[in-house]
Protein backbone atom coordinates (compact mmCIF):
# COMPACT_ATOMS: atom_id res chain seq x y z
CA MET A 1 -23.71 2.83 7.63
CA PHE A 2 -21.61 0.96 10.15
CA LEU A 3 -17.89 1.18 9.43
CA GLN A 4 -14.90 0.57 11.65
CA GLU A 5 -11.20 1.13 11.18
CA ALA A 6 -9.00 -1.91 10.77
CA GLU A 7 -5.59 -2.95 9.49
CA ALA A 8 -6.00 -5.28 6.52
CA THR A 9 -4.33 -6.93 3.59
CA ILE A 10 -6.31 -6.58 0.41
CA VAL A 11 -5.84 -9.05 -2.44
CA VAL A 12 -7.33 -8.39 -5.86
CA PHE A 13 -7.55 -10.94 -8.65
CA ASP A 14 -8.18 -9.47 -12.11
CA LEU A 15 -8.87 -11.49 -15.24
CA ARG A 16 -6.69 -10.45 -18.16
CA GLY A 17 -8.21 -9.71 -21.57
CA PHE A 18 -11.77 -9.72 -20.25
CA SER A 19 -13.11 -7.13 -22.72
CA GLN A 20 -11.90 -9.18 -25.69
CA LEU A 21 -13.26 -12.35 -24.08
CA ALA A 22 -16.68 -10.76 -23.51
CA ALA A 23 -16.78 -9.61 -27.15
CA ARG A 24 -15.94 -13.14 -28.38
CA LEU A 25 -18.21 -15.20 -26.16
CA GLY A 26 -21.94 -15.19 -25.74
CA PRO A 27 -23.41 -14.50 -22.31
CA VAL A 28 -23.79 -18.19 -21.37
CA ASP A 29 -20.20 -19.11 -22.26
CA LEU A 30 -18.91 -15.94 -20.62
CA GLY A 31 -20.81 -16.81 -17.45
CA ALA A 32 -19.36 -20.33 -17.44
CA ALA A 33 -15.81 -18.99 -17.88
CA LEU A 34 -16.29 -16.45 -15.07
CA GLY A 35 -17.80 -19.11 -12.79
CA ARG A 36 -14.75 -21.32 -13.24
CA TYR A 37 -12.44 -18.37 -12.51
CA TYR A 38 -14.44 -17.34 -9.42
CA GLU A 39 -14.24 -20.89 -8.04
CA HIS A 40 -10.45 -20.93 -8.49
CA VAL A 41 -10.06 -17.59 -6.70
CA GLU A 42 -12.43 -18.66 -3.93
CA GLN A 43 -10.46 -21.86 -3.31
CA CYS A 44 -7.21 -19.92 -2.98
CA ALA A 45 -8.66 -17.23 -0.69
CA VAL A 46 -10.78 -19.42 1.58
CA ALA A 47 -8.01 -22.00 2.02
CA HIS A 48 -6.06 -19.23 3.78
CA ASP A 49 -8.94 -17.76 5.82
CA GLY A 50 -9.62 -14.90 3.43
CA ARG A 51 -12.98 -13.30 2.88
CA ILE A 52 -14.31 -12.52 -0.58
CA VAL A 53 -15.78 -9.05 -0.33
CA LYS A 54 -17.25 -8.93 -3.82
CA PHE A 55 -17.09 -9.98 -7.42
CA ILE A 56 -16.74 -6.98 -9.71
CA GLY A 57 -17.15 -8.35 -13.22
CA ASP A 58 -13.79 -9.92 -13.92
CA ALA A 59 -12.18 -8.78 -10.65
CA VAL A 60 -12.46 -10.32 -7.19
CA LEU A 61 -11.79 -8.28 -4.06
CA CYS A 62 -10.62 -10.27 -1.01
CA VAL A 63 -9.67 -9.13 2.49
CA TRP A 64 -7.73 -10.43 5.49
CA LEU A 65 -8.41 -8.36 8.61
CA SER A 66 -5.96 -8.02 11.50
CA SER A 67 -8.89 -8.27 13.91
CA GLU A 68 -9.73 -11.74 12.56
CA HIS A 69 -6.24 -13.22 12.14
CA ASP A 70 -3.04 -12.71 14.12
CA ASP A 71 -0.99 -13.33 11.01
CA PHE A 72 -3.32 -11.76 8.43
CA ARG A 73 -0.49 -10.63 6.12
CA ARG A 74 1.06 -14.10 5.94
CA LYS A 75 -2.32 -15.71 5.21
CA ALA A 76 -3.10 -13.23 2.42
CA VAL A 77 0.31 -13.66 0.80
CA ALA A 78 -0.08 -17.45 1.10
CA ALA A 79 -3.27 -17.15 -0.97
CA VAL A 80 -1.35 -15.20 -3.65
CA TRP A 81 1.39 -17.84 -3.58
CA GLU A 82 -1.12 -20.68 -3.87
CA SER A 83 -2.90 -19.07 -6.80
CA ASN A 84 0.42 -18.78 -8.63
CA LYS A 85 1.38 -22.35 -7.76
CA LYS A 86 -1.91 -23.63 -9.21
CA ARG A 87 -2.04 -21.20 -12.16
CA SER A 88 -0.45 -23.35 -14.89
CA ALA A 89 -2.56 -26.42 -14.12
CA TRP A 90 -5.71 -24.28 -13.91
CA VAL A 91 -5.01 -22.59 -17.26
CA GLN A 92 -4.16 -25.90 -18.94
CA LYS A 93 -7.27 -27.67 -17.60
CA GLY A 94 -9.46 -24.91 -19.02
CA VAL A 95 -7.86 -25.26 -22.45
CA THR A 96 -8.15 -29.06 -22.29
CA ASP A 97 -11.84 -28.70 -21.41
CA GLY A 98 -12.34 -26.52 -24.50
CA LEU A 99 -12.69 -23.22 -22.64
CA PRO A 100 -11.06 -20.01 -23.78
CA LEU A 101 -7.56 -19.27 -22.54
CA LEU A 102 -7.92 -17.40 -19.25
CA ASP A 103 -5.20 -15.82 -17.15
CA TYR A 104 -5.20 -13.25 -14.38
CA SER A 105 -3.12 -10.84 -12.34
CA VAL A 106 -3.00 -10.78 -8.53
CA ALA A 107 -1.93 -7.94 -6.26
CA ALA A 108 -1.74 -7.45 -2.50
CA ALA A 109 -1.54 -4.24 -0.47
CA THR A 110 -1.70 -3.68 3.28
CA GLY A 111 -2.74 -0.75 5.41
CA PRO A 112 -5.56 0.95 7.28
CA VAL A 113 -9.08 0.55 5.89
CA LEU A 114 -12.70 1.13 6.80
CA VAL A 115 -14.67 -2.10 6.86
CA GLY A 116 -18.34 -2.86 7.40
CA GLN A 117 -21.77 -2.20 5.99
CA ILE A 118 -22.03 0.65 3.48
CA GLY A 119 -24.88 2.00 1.44
CA THR A 120 -28.25 3.58 2.08
CA LYS A 121 -31.16 2.81 4.39
CA LYS A 122 -32.62 0.47 1.75
CA HIS A 123 -29.52 -1.09 0.23
CA THR A 124 -26.41 -2.09 2.16
CA ALA A 125 -23.50 -4.39 1.53
CA PHE A 126 -20.34 -5.45 3.32
CA ASP A 127 -17.35 -3.61 1.87
CA VAL A 128 -13.84 -2.44 2.55
CA LEU A 129 -12.64 1.07 1.69
CA GLY A 130 -9.25 2.72 1.70
CA GLU A 131 -5.93 3.25 0.02
CA PRO A 132 -4.87 -0.44 0.09
CA VAL A 133 -7.94 -1.32 -2.01
CA ASN A 134 -7.04 1.29 -4.63
CA ILE A 135 -3.40 0.24 -4.62
CA ALA A 136 -4.23 -3.46 -5.08
CA PHE A 137 -6.46 -2.70 -8.07
CA LYS A 138 -3.82 -0.47 -9.67
CA LEU A 139 -1.09 -3.05 -9.05
CA CYS A 140 -3.12 -5.68 -10.93
CA GLY A 141 -2.97 -3.42 -13.97
CA ALA A 142 0.74 -2.80 -13.43
CA ALA A 143 1.38 -6.55 -13.19
CA ALA A 144 -0.37 -7.14 -16.50
CA THR A 145 1.56 -4.38 -18.29
CA ARG A 146 4.85 -5.64 -16.81
CA GLY A 147 4.09 -9.22 -17.89
CA VAL A 148 4.23 -10.59 -14.34
CA ASP A 149 1.63 -12.70 -12.55
CA HIS A 150 1.54 -10.82 -9.28
CA LEU A 151 2.83 -7.87 -7.27
CA VAL A 152 2.91 -7.54 -3.49
CA THR A 153 3.70 -4.39 -1.50
CA ALA A 154 6.49 -4.38 1.09
CA GLU A 155 3.92 -3.82 3.88
CA SER A 156 2.13 -7.03 2.87
CA LEU A 157 5.29 -9.06 3.40
CA GLU A 158 5.84 -8.00 7.01
CA SER A 159 4.72 -10.57 9.53
CA PRO A 160 5.37 -11.34 13.21
CA ALA A 161 7.72 -14.09 12.04
CA GLY A 162 9.66 -11.67 9.82
CA ARG A 163 9.68 -10.80 6.15
CA LEU A 164 8.22 -13.47 3.88
CA GLN A 165 10.36 -14.83 1.03
CA ALA A 166 10.15 -12.54 -1.99
CA VAL A 167 12.22 -10.85 -4.66
CA GLU A 168 12.10 -7.08 -4.98
CA VAL A 169 11.10 -5.72 -8.40
CA GLU A 170 10.98 -2.20 -9.78
CA GLY A 171 8.71 -0.05 -7.63
CA ILE A 172 5.96 2.25 -8.73
CA GLU A 173 4.71 5.68 -7.70
CA LEU A 174 1.04 5.84 -6.74
CA GLY A 175 -0.72 8.71 -5.05
CA GLY A 176 2.47 10.67 -4.67
CA ARG A 177 4.38 7.96 -2.83
CA GLN A 178 6.89 5.42 -4.00
CA LEU A 179 5.85 1.81 -3.34
CA ARG A 180 8.34 -1.01 -2.91
CA LEU A 181 7.08 -4.05 -4.80
CA PHE A 182 7.91 -7.73 -4.66
CA ARG A 183 7.25 -11.02 -6.40
CA LEU A 184 7.03 -14.13 -4.27
CA ALA A 185 10.01 -16.43 -4.43
């Protein structure tokens, strides 16, 4: 394994209602729906210099590393903002095209991570490990239960140019610490 420490912003996209969708659709239609969703996420992430780490069923894990971008937080949050800006049109186009109604949650968390190749001698993959990854996944679930599209941690909003425009929402306790959470304005 080759891992190095880095500061990063992690963004997770998580499709809502995937279990019900998988039960309703056959494998071919499910694959088509996921492909359309993956393309949407990829467009939002790549447009802001993000890297897709992996597709995990109905979730997509993306990373912005401080070592790759001076303003990695701003770029990651811009991807969240863009996904929300395009959300309604994306959902409507899918319905118009006869696809099942799809929607998703997005969450961003920032902090120290390990990044690099993980695995065994025979099987390795690029990955990112650390508390921000866990937080981003948990915040996607919290966004869905709160009925909001996205949640962003306070650390993700800090940038060299100052705090990005956002509205604070009710925080959450994870791992024994209270997180300040925001929605983008």
